[in-house]
Amino acid sequence: MKIIAIAAALALIVPGIMPGAARAQDQDKDKKEETQRKEGNLDKAGKIATQPARDVGLDKEEIPPVLVKAVENPYAAPPSRSCKGLNASMGELNAVLGDDFTVGAQANENRTGKIATAVGKTVVNSLIPFRGLVREISGAAPAERRLQAAVTAGIARRGYLRGMAASKGCKVTG
């Protein structure tokens, strides 16, 4: 009886020891991933549908302030060199860039989703004749290049901050 009571207590304290707890955690994780995937698909569909408006310069994407600062100097000293401060700075970048690459993470490629996205982009982008020229004249292409440069600077900044955190022995949370 004591062994059963100890096992039950451990199952409550350390999830994953008992098979039922592990299954419940896996189900919660699967539900969360499914929700994120659906939200991502809706975002992609929205971006595809509004592409013609961006091509003619009607719908411009603003560069987030954190990326504007990164463009100015991606290797500037962070406001705080404490572990908490470095993680906060990386968190700001993660909020606009998405999660950073992590060692050992597996890429889940959704081939059907990628094909659907490619078809959608092709159809929508074919609506504007001479699309490349229109994008240059409207300013959409230079604006996109500025955005991509800002994203690249943001990725460099995040790597710089991650390196600083690693050299200090910080536990990186993002």
Protein backbone atom coordinates (compact mmCIF):
# COMPACT_ATOMS: atom_id res chain seq x y z
CA MET A 1 0.00 0.00 0.00
CA LYS A 2 2.81 2.39 0.82
CA ILE A 3 4.37 1.78 -2.61
CA ILE A 4 1.09 2.61 -4.36
CA ALA A 5 0.71 5.81 -2.31
CA ILE A 6 4.30 6.85 -3.11
CA ALA A 7 3.78 6.15 -6.84
CA ALA A 8 0.57 8.18 -6.85
CA ALA A 9 2.27 11.08 -5.07
CA LEU A 10 5.19 10.99 -7.51
CA ALA A 11 2.77 10.99 -10.44
CA LEU A 12 1.28 14.23 -9.12
CA ILE A 13 4.65 15.81 -8.36
CA VAL A 14 6.59 14.68 -11.43
CA PRO A 15 4.32 14.51 -14.47
CA GLY A 16 5.40 11.95 -16.99
CA ILE A 17 6.30 9.19 -14.54
CA MET A 18 2.91 7.60 -14.83
CA PRO A 19 1.83 6.68 -18.37
CA GLY A 20 -1.56 8.41 -18.05
CA ALA A 21 0.09 11.70 -17.11
CA ALA A 22 2.44 11.46 -20.08
CA ARG A 23 -0.47 10.82 -22.45
CA ALA A 24 -2.36 13.83 -21.07
CA GLN A 25 0.70 16.04 -21.56
CA ASP A 26 1.18 14.72 -25.11
CA GLN A 27 -2.49 15.41 -25.91
CA ASP A 28 -2.22 18.96 -24.56
CA LYS A 29 0.93 19.52 -26.62
CA ASP A 30 -0.75 18.10 -29.76
CA LYS A 31 -3.78 20.38 -29.26
CA LYS A 32 -1.52 23.41 -28.84
CA GLU A 33 0.47 22.55 -31.99
CA GLU A 34 -2.76 22.01 -33.96
CA THR A 35 -4.09 25.41 -32.87
CA GLN A 36 -0.81 27.10 -33.80
CA ARG A 37 -0.85 25.37 -37.20
CA LYS A 38 -4.42 26.53 -37.91
CA GLU A 39 -3.62 30.10 -36.87
CA GLY A 40 -0.52 30.01 -39.07
CA ASN A 41 -2.57 28.81 -42.04
CA LEU A 42 -5.06 31.66 -41.54
CA ASP A 43 -2.19 34.16 -41.39
CA LYS A 44 -0.71 32.75 -44.62
CA ALA A 45 -4.08 32.90 -46.38
CA GLY A 46 -4.55 36.50 -45.29
CA LYS A 47 -1.09 37.48 -46.51
CA ILE A 48 -1.67 35.78 -49.86
CA ALA A 49 -5.06 37.47 -50.32
CA THR A 50 -3.69 40.93 -49.55
CA GLN A 51 -0.57 40.57 -51.72
CA PRO A 52 -2.00 42.62 -54.65
CA ALA A 53 -2.69 45.53 -52.28
CA ARG A 54 0.92 45.38 -51.08
CA ASP A 55 2.16 45.15 -54.69
CA VAL A 56 0.62 48.48 -55.63
CA GLY A 57 1.65 50.10 -52.35
CA LEU A 58 -1.80 50.34 -50.76
CA ASP A 59 -1.03 48.03 -47.82
CA LYS A 60 2.43 48.65 -46.39
CA GLU A 61 4.02 46.56 -43.69
CA GLU A 62 5.59 48.71 -41.01
CA ILE A 63 8.99 47.69 -39.72
CA PRO A 64 8.71 47.03 -35.96
CA PRO A 65 10.73 49.47 -33.81
CA VAL A 66 12.87 46.68 -32.35
CA LEU A 67 14.02 45.81 -35.89
CA VAL A 68 14.63 49.48 -36.76
CA LYS A 69 17.00 49.64 -33.78
CA ALA A 70 18.68 46.42 -34.94
CA VAL A 71 19.29 47.92 -38.39
CA GLU A 72 20.96 50.95 -36.82
CA ASN A 73 23.47 48.78 -34.95
CA PRO A 74 22.85 45.04 -34.48
CA TYR A 75 25.88 44.75 -32.20
CA ALA A 76 25.12 47.66 -29.88
CA ALA A 77 25.46 46.97 -26.17
CA PRO A 78 22.13 45.79 -24.75
CA PRO A 79 20.35 48.00 -22.20
CA SER A 80 21.01 45.39 -19.52
CA ARG A 81 23.72 42.77 -19.49
CA SER A 82 22.06 40.71 -16.78
CA CYS A 83 20.61 37.33 -17.73
CA LYS A 84 17.12 38.69 -17.18
CA GLY A 85 17.84 41.73 -19.35
CA LEU A 86 19.38 39.66 -22.16
CA ASN A 87 16.41 37.28 -22.14
CA ALA A 88 14.03 40.24 -22.24
CA SER A 89 15.86 41.71 -25.25
CA MET A 90 15.76 38.35 -27.03
CA GLY A 91 12.07 38.04 -26.16
CA GLU A 92 11.33 41.35 -27.90
CA LEU A 93 13.04 40.05 -31.03
CA ASN A 94 11.29 36.68 -30.81
CA ALA A 95 7.94 38.49 -30.66
CA VAL A 96 8.49 39.95 -34.15
CA LEU A 97 10.78 37.33 -35.72
CA GLY A 98 9.23 34.16 -34.32
CA ASP A 99 11.03 31.57 -32.27
CA ASP A 100 14.75 31.12 -32.71
CA PHE A 101 16.28 27.90 -33.98
CA THR A 102 16.96 25.41 -31.23
CA VAL A 103 19.37 22.53 -31.17
CA GLY A 104 17.65 19.19 -31.63
CA ALA A 105 14.34 20.66 -32.80
CA GLN A 106 12.75 18.70 -35.61
CA ALA A 107 11.29 20.52 -38.58
CA ASN A 108 7.72 19.48 -39.26
CA GLU A 109 7.27 20.10 -42.94
CA ASN A 110 3.71 20.18 -44.12
CA ARG A 111 4.16 19.43 -47.82
CA THR A 112 0.46 19.73 -48.65
CA GLY A 113 0.33 23.11 -46.93
CA LYS A 114 3.41 24.31 -48.81
CA ILE A 115 1.91 23.25 -52.14
CA ALA A 116 -1.38 24.99 -51.31
CA THR A 117 0.51 28.16 -50.35
CA ALA A 118 2.53 28.09 -53.58
CA VAL A 119 -0.61 27.63 -55.70
CA GLY A 120 -2.39 30.44 -53.85
CA LYS A 121 0.55 32.80 -54.33
CA THR A 122 0.79 31.94 -58.01
CA VAL A 123 -2.90 32.60 -58.61
CA VAL A 124 -2.97 35.86 -56.66
CA ASN A 125 0.32 37.14 -58.08
CA SER A 126 -0.88 36.50 -61.64
CA LEU A 127 -3.68 39.04 -61.12
CA ILE A 128 -1.28 41.95 -61.72
CA PRO A 129 0.35 42.05 -65.15
CA PHE A 130 4.03 43.15 -65.10
CA ARG A 131 4.01 42.59 -61.36
CA GLY A 132 7.75 43.15 -60.88
CA LEU A 133 7.66 46.49 -62.66
CA VAL A 134 4.53 47.56 -60.78
CA ARG A 135 6.20 46.66 -57.47
CA GLU A 136 9.28 48.76 -58.29
CA ILE A 137 7.27 51.78 -59.45
CA SER A 138 4.86 51.64 -56.49
CA GLY A 139 7.70 51.34 -54.00
CA ALA A 140 6.54 47.92 -52.76
CA ALA A 141 9.74 46.14 -53.84
CA PRO A 142 12.12 48.60 -52.13
CA ALA A 143 9.92 48.52 -49.01
CA GLU A 144 10.10 44.71 -49.00
CA ARG A 145 13.88 44.86 -49.35
CA ARG A 146 14.05 47.25 -46.37
CA LEU A 147 11.86 44.87 -44.34
CA GLN A 148 14.05 41.88 -45.25
CA ALA A 149 17.19 43.84 -44.30
CA ALA A 150 15.57 44.67 -40.95
CA VAL A 151 14.68 41.00 -40.38
CA THR A 152 18.28 40.00 -41.20
CA ALA A 153 19.60 42.62 -38.75
CA GLY A 154 17.15 41.37 -36.12
CA ILE A 155 18.36 37.80 -36.57
CA ALA A 156 21.98 38.99 -36.25
CA ARG A 157 21.07 40.93 -33.10
CA ARG A 158 19.33 37.94 -31.57
CA GLY A 159 22.39 35.78 -32.28
CA TYR A 160 24.64 38.41 -30.71
CA LEU A 161 22.46 38.57 -27.59
CA ARG A 162 22.27 34.77 -27.42
CA GLY A 163 26.07 34.61 -27.58
CA MET A 164 26.37 37.16 -24.78
CA ALA A 165 23.90 35.18 -22.67
CA ALA A 166 25.77 31.92 -23.33
CA SER A 167 29.12 33.46 -22.39
CA LYS A 168 27.63 34.59 -19.07
CA GLY A 169 26.18 31.13 -18.45
CA CYS A 170 22.58 32.36 -18.62
CA LYS A 171 19.73 29.97 -19.14
CA VAL A 172 18.23 31.18 -22.41
CA THR A 173 14.44 31.17 -22.24
CA GLY A 174 13.64 32.03 -25.84
